[in-house]
Amino acid sequence: MNAEEDEDLQTRVETWLAKQMPIIEMHGGTSAVRKAERGGEVIIELGGGCRGCEVSEITTGNIEAELLQWPEIEEVTVRAPEAGESFGVDQAESVMGIDRTEGGRG
């Protein structure tokens, strides 16, 4: 697969996250697609309000289950940090004009 196809897949996964998983942002969480290879692996890291969240296992499971249905994806890894841990996903990242660092629990 070429880099352009992988970039397109990464964009599609980012867009899907923003549209289908708004609960992440609504609770002050962030997400970043770290790797997306057709016929290979997708790696997503969560941060912000996801750090130490009690339902992060449900969120990561839902993301994995959905993305594994995509024919071009063979393996999905979603990492959510434990309390006090960070993957560096807390920087401003934007998909479709949405700043993922804003929001809060409540």
N, C-alpha and C. Protein backbone atom coordinates (compact mmCIF):
# COMPACT_ATOMS: atom_id res chain seq x y z
N MET A 1 0.85 -1.18 0.00
CA MET A 1 0.00 0.00 0.00
C MET A 1 0.89 1.24 0.00
N ASN A 2 0.40 2.29 -0.61
CA ASN A 2 1.22 3.50 -0.66
C ASN A 2 0.84 4.46 0.47
N ALA A 3 1.71 5.43 0.69
CA ALA A 3 1.52 6.38 1.79
C ALA A 3 0.24 7.20 1.60
N GLU A 4 -0.12 7.51 0.37
CA GLU A 4 -1.34 8.30 0.13
C GLU A 4 -2.59 7.55 0.57
N GLU A 5 -2.64 6.24 0.29
CA GLU A 5 -3.79 5.44 0.73
C GLU A 5 -3.85 5.36 2.25
N ASP A 6 -2.68 5.21 2.90
CA ASP A 6 -2.64 5.16 4.36
C ASP A 6 -3.08 6.49 4.96
N GLU A 7 -2.66 7.61 4.34
CA GLU A 7 -3.07 8.93 4.82
C GLU A 7 -4.58 9.10 4.70
N ASP A 8 -5.14 8.62 3.59
CA ASP A 8 -6.58 8.68 3.39
C ASP A 8 -7.29 7.86 4.47
N LEU A 9 -6.77 6.67 4.78
CA LEU A 9 -7.37 5.84 5.82
C LEU A 9 -7.29 6.54 7.17
N GLN A 10 -6.17 7.16 7.45
CA GLN A 10 -6.03 7.88 8.71
C GLN A 10 -7.05 9.00 8.80
N THR A 11 -7.24 9.75 7.74
CA THR A 11 -8.22 10.82 7.71
C THR A 11 -9.63 10.27 7.92
N ARG A 12 -9.94 9.15 7.28
CA ARG A 12 -11.26 8.54 7.44
C ARG A 12 -11.50 8.08 8.87
N VAL A 13 -10.48 7.50 9.50
CA VAL A 13 -10.62 7.06 10.89
C VAL A 13 -10.79 8.27 11.81
N GLU A 14 -10.01 9.33 11.60
CA GLU A 14 -10.14 10.54 12.41
C GLU A 14 -11.54 11.15 12.28
N THR A 15 -12.04 11.20 11.05
CA THR A 15 -13.37 11.75 10.80
C THR A 15 -14.43 10.88 11.48
N TRP A 16 -14.28 9.56 11.37
CA TRP A 16 -15.22 8.64 12.03
C TRP A 16 -15.22 8.87 13.54
N LEU A 17 -14.03 9.00 14.13
CA LEU A 17 -13.95 9.24 15.57
C LEU A 17 -14.70 10.51 15.96
N ALA A 18 -14.50 11.58 15.19
CA ALA A 18 -15.14 12.85 15.51
C ALA A 18 -16.66 12.76 15.41
N LYS A 19 -17.16 12.01 14.42
CA LYS A 19 -18.61 11.93 14.19
C LYS A 19 -19.29 10.87 15.05
N GLN A 20 -18.67 9.70 15.18
CA GLN A 20 -19.33 8.57 15.82
C GLN A 20 -19.01 8.44 17.31
N MET A 21 -18.00 9.10 17.78
CA MET A 21 -17.63 8.98 19.18
C MET A 21 -17.60 10.35 19.86
N PRO A 22 -18.68 11.12 19.75
CA PRO A 22 -18.67 12.46 20.34
C PRO A 22 -18.57 12.43 21.87
N ILE A 23 -18.86 11.29 22.48
CA ILE A 23 -18.78 11.17 23.93
C ILE A 23 -17.35 11.45 24.40
N ILE A 24 -16.36 11.12 23.58
CA ILE A 24 -14.96 11.38 23.95
C ILE A 24 -14.77 12.88 24.17
N GLU A 25 -15.18 13.67 23.20
CA GLU A 25 -15.03 15.12 23.30
C GLU A 25 -15.94 15.72 24.36
N MET A 26 -17.16 15.20 24.46
CA MET A 26 -18.11 15.76 25.42
C MET A 26 -17.60 15.61 26.85
N HIS A 27 -16.78 14.62 27.09
CA HIS A 27 -16.25 14.39 28.43
C HIS A 27 -14.83 14.93 28.58
N GLY A 28 -14.43 15.77 27.65
CA GLY A 28 -13.11 16.40 27.76
C GLY A 28 -11.98 15.51 27.30
N GLY A 29 -12.30 14.46 26.57
CA GLY A 29 -11.26 13.56 26.08
C GLY A 29 -10.70 14.02 24.75
N THR A 30 -9.58 13.44 24.40
CA THR A 30 -8.94 13.70 23.12
C THR A 30 -8.65 12.36 22.46
N SER A 31 -8.45 12.38 21.17
CA SER A 31 -8.08 11.16 20.45
C SER A 31 -7.12 11.53 19.34
N ALA A 32 -6.22 10.59 19.03
CA ALA A 32 -5.28 10.79 17.94
C ALA A 32 -5.03 9.45 17.27
N VAL A 33 -5.08 9.43 15.95
CA VAL A 33 -4.75 8.24 15.19
C VAL A 33 -3.24 8.28 14.98
N ARG A 34 -2.54 7.37 15.62
CA ARG A 34 -1.08 7.34 15.54
C ARG A 34 -0.57 6.54 14.36
N LYS A 35 -1.37 5.57 13.91
CA LYS A 35 -0.94 4.73 12.79
C LYS A 35 -2.20 4.23 12.11
N ALA A 36 -2.18 4.19 10.78
CA ALA A 36 -3.30 3.65 10.02
C ALA A 36 -2.77 3.10 8.70
N GLU A 37 -2.66 1.79 8.63
CA GLU A 37 -2.15 1.14 7.44
C GLU A 37 -3.21 0.21 6.88
N ARG A 38 -3.52 0.35 5.60
CA ARG A 38 -4.48 -0.54 4.94
C ARG A 38 -3.95 -1.97 5.02
N GLY A 39 -4.85 -2.89 5.37
CA GLY A 39 -4.46 -4.29 5.47
C GLY A 39 -3.56 -4.54 6.66
N GLY A 40 -3.45 -3.55 7.51
CA GLY A 40 -2.57 -3.67 8.66
C GLY A 40 -3.22 -3.20 9.92
N GLU A 41 -2.52 -2.38 10.63
CA GLU A 41 -2.91 -2.00 11.97
C GLU A 41 -3.31 -0.52 12.05
N VAL A 42 -4.28 -0.26 12.92
CA VAL A 42 -4.65 1.10 13.28
C VAL A 42 -4.38 1.24 14.77
N ILE A 43 -3.67 2.31 15.13
CA ILE A 43 -3.40 2.59 16.54
C ILE A 43 -3.99 3.94 16.88
N ILE A 44 -4.83 3.96 17.91
CA ILE A 44 -5.47 5.19 18.38
C ILE A 44 -5.10 5.38 19.84
N GLU A 45 -4.74 6.59 20.19
CA GLU A 45 -4.45 6.92 21.58
C GLU A 45 -5.45 7.95 22.07
N LEU A 46 -5.95 7.72 23.27
CA LEU A 46 -6.89 8.63 23.91
C LEU A 46 -6.15 9.41 24.98
N GLY A 47 -6.66 10.58 25.31
CA GLY A 47 -6.03 11.39 26.35
C GLY A 47 -7.05 12.32 26.97
N GLY A 48 -6.58 13.39 27.60
CA GLY A 48 -7.47 14.36 28.23
C GLY A 48 -8.34 13.70 29.27
N GLY A 49 -9.66 13.89 29.16
CA GLY A 49 -10.60 13.35 30.13
C GLY A 49 -10.68 11.83 30.11
N CYS A 50 -10.09 11.18 29.10
CA CYS A 50 -10.09 9.71 29.06
C CYS A 50 -9.10 9.12 30.06
N ARG A 51 -8.15 9.94 30.49
CA ARG A 51 -7.13 9.47 31.43
C ARG A 51 -7.79 9.07 32.74
N GLY A 52 -7.72 7.80 33.07
CA GLY A 52 -8.27 7.30 34.32
C GLY A 52 -9.79 7.17 34.34
N CYS A 53 -10.45 7.37 33.21
CA CYS A 53 -11.91 7.30 33.15
C CYS A 53 -12.37 5.86 33.37
N GLU A 54 -13.42 5.71 34.16
CA GLU A 54 -13.93 4.39 34.49
C GLU A 54 -14.55 3.67 33.30
N VAL A 55 -15.03 4.40 32.31
CA VAL A 55 -15.66 3.76 31.16
C VAL A 55 -14.76 3.71 29.93
N SER A 56 -13.48 4.01 30.10
CA SER A 56 -12.59 4.01 28.95
C SER A 56 -12.47 2.62 28.32
N GLU A 57 -12.59 1.56 29.11
CA GLU A 57 -12.54 0.21 28.54
C GLU A 57 -13.72 -0.03 27.60
N ILE A 58 -14.88 0.49 27.95
CA ILE A 58 -16.06 0.36 27.08
C ILE A 58 -15.83 1.15 25.79
N THR A 59 -15.33 2.37 25.94
CA THR A 59 -15.06 3.21 24.77
C THR A 59 -14.04 2.55 23.85
N THR A 60 -12.94 2.07 24.41
CA THR A 60 -11.91 1.45 23.57
C THR A 60 -12.46 0.19 22.90
N GLY A 61 -13.25 -0.59 23.61
CA GLY A 61 -13.86 -1.79 23.02
C GLY A 61 -14.80 -1.46 21.89
N ASN A 62 -15.60 -0.41 22.05
CA ASN A 62 -16.52 0.01 20.99
C ASN A 62 -15.76 0.48 19.75
N ILE A 63 -14.70 1.23 19.95
CA ILE A 63 -13.89 1.70 18.82
C ILE A 63 -13.28 0.51 18.10
N GLU A 64 -12.67 -0.40 18.86
CA GLU A 64 -12.04 -1.57 18.25
C GLU A 64 -13.05 -2.40 17.47
N ALA A 65 -14.20 -2.68 18.07
CA ALA A 65 -15.21 -3.51 17.41
C ALA A 65 -15.69 -2.89 16.10
N GLU A 66 -15.91 -1.60 16.09
CA GLU A 66 -16.39 -0.93 14.88
C GLU A 66 -15.32 -0.93 13.79
N LEU A 67 -14.10 -0.55 14.13
CA LEU A 67 -13.06 -0.44 13.11
C LEU A 67 -12.65 -1.80 12.56
N LEU A 68 -12.78 -2.86 13.34
CA LEU A 68 -12.45 -4.19 12.83
C LEU A 68 -13.44 -4.66 11.77
N GLN A 69 -14.57 -3.98 11.64
CA GLN A 69 -15.53 -4.31 10.60
C GLN A 69 -15.13 -3.69 9.26
N TRP A 70 -14.23 -2.73 9.27
CA TRP A 70 -13.77 -2.11 8.04
C TRP A 70 -12.89 -3.13 7.30
N PRO A 71 -13.16 -3.40 6.02
CA PRO A 71 -12.41 -4.44 5.31
C PRO A 71 -10.91 -4.14 5.16
N GLU A 72 -10.52 -2.89 5.20
CA GLU A 72 -9.12 -2.55 4.99
C GLU A 72 -8.30 -2.54 6.28
N ILE A 73 -8.93 -2.89 7.40
CA ILE A 73 -8.25 -2.88 8.70
C ILE A 73 -8.21 -4.30 9.26
N GLU A 74 -7.01 -4.76 9.61
CA GLU A 74 -6.83 -6.11 10.15
C GLU A 74 -6.74 -6.13 11.67
N GLU A 75 -6.16 -5.08 12.25
CA GLU A 75 -5.91 -5.06 13.69
C GLU A 75 -6.10 -3.64 14.21
N VAL A 76 -6.70 -3.54 15.39
CA VAL A 76 -6.93 -2.23 16.00
C VAL A 76 -6.42 -2.26 17.43
N THR A 77 -5.66 -1.24 17.78
CA THR A 77 -5.20 -1.06 19.15
C THR A 77 -5.64 0.33 19.60
N VAL A 78 -6.38 0.38 20.69
CA VAL A 78 -6.79 1.66 21.26
C VAL A 78 -6.20 1.72 22.66
N ARG A 79 -5.39 2.74 22.90
CA ARG A 79 -4.75 2.89 24.20
C ARG A 79 -5.38 4.06 24.95
N ALA A 80 -5.76 3.80 26.18
CA ALA A 80 -6.29 4.85 27.06
C ALA A 80 -5.38 4.90 28.27
N PRO A 81 -4.87 6.07 28.60
CA PRO A 81 -3.92 6.17 29.72
C PRO A 81 -4.59 5.96 31.08
N GLU A 82 -3.83 5.42 31.99
CA GLU A 82 -4.28 5.30 33.37
C GLU A 82 -4.17 6.68 34.03
N ALA A 83 -4.75 6.85 35.18
CA ALA A 83 -4.64 8.12 35.92
C ALA A 83 -3.17 8.45 36.12
N GLY A 84 -2.80 9.68 35.82
CA GLY A 84 -1.42 10.13 35.98
C GLY A 84 -0.52 9.84 34.80
N GLU A 85 -0.99 9.07 33.83
CA GLU A 85 -0.21 8.71 32.66
C GLU A 85 -0.67 9.59 31.49
N SER A 86 0.21 9.84 30.54
CA SER A 86 -0.16 10.63 29.37
C SER A 86 0.54 10.08 28.14
N PHE A 87 -0.17 10.07 27.02
CA PHE A 87 0.43 9.67 25.75
C PHE A 87 0.80 10.88 24.90
N GLY A 88 0.62 12.08 25.44
CA GLY A 88 0.92 13.27 24.67
C GLY A 88 -0.16 13.61 23.66
N VAL A 89 -1.40 13.24 23.94
CA VAL A 89 -2.52 13.49 23.04
C VAL A 89 -3.27 14.74 23.47
N ASP A 90 -2.75 15.48 24.41
CA ASP A 90 -3.47 16.61 24.95
C ASP A 90 -3.22 17.91 24.18
N GLN A 91 -2.38 17.87 23.16
CA GLN A 91 -2.15 19.05 22.35
C GLN A 91 -3.37 19.32 21.48
N ALA A 92 -3.46 20.54 21.01
CA ALA A 92 -4.60 20.89 20.15
C ALA A 92 -4.53 20.09 18.86
N GLU A 93 -5.59 19.36 18.58
CA GLU A 93 -5.70 18.63 17.33
C GLU A 93 -7.07 18.94 16.78
N SER A 94 -7.14 19.10 15.49
CA SER A 94 -8.40 19.51 14.90
C SER A 94 -8.79 18.59 13.76
N VAL A 95 -10.02 18.16 13.78
CA VAL A 95 -10.60 17.42 12.67
C VAL A 95 -11.89 18.14 12.34
N MET A 96 -11.99 18.57 11.12
CA MET A 96 -13.19 19.28 10.68
C MET A 96 -13.50 20.48 11.57
N GLY A 97 -12.45 21.18 12.01
CA GLY A 97 -12.64 22.40 12.78
C GLY A 97 -12.98 22.18 14.24
N ILE A 98 -12.89 20.95 14.72
CA ILE A 98 -13.22 20.67 16.12
C ILE A 98 -11.92 20.61 16.91
N ASP A 99 -11.77 21.50 17.86
CA ASP A 99 -10.61 21.48 18.74
C ASP A 99 -10.88 20.46 19.82
N ARG A 100 -10.15 19.37 19.80
CA ARG A 100 -10.41 18.26 20.71
C ARG A 100 -9.92 18.50 22.12
N THR A 101 -9.27 19.59 22.38
CA THR A 101 -8.77 19.81 23.74
C THR A 101 -9.78 20.55 24.60
N GLU A 102 -10.86 21.05 24.00
CA GLU A 102 -11.86 21.78 24.78
C GLU A 102 -12.91 20.83 25.31
N GLY A 103 -13.59 21.23 26.34
CA GLY A 103 -14.65 20.41 26.91
C GLY A 103 -14.34 20.10 28.35
N GLY A 104 -15.20 19.39 28.97
CA GLY A 104 -14.97 19.01 30.35
C GLY A 104 -16.04 18.05 30.81
N ARG A 105 -15.77 17.42 31.88
CA ARG A 105 -16.74 16.48 32.43
C ARG A 105 -17.92 17.23 33.02
N GLY A 106 -19.04 16.61 32.86
CA GLY A 106 -20.19 17.23 33.50
C GLY A 106 -21.44 17.14 32.69
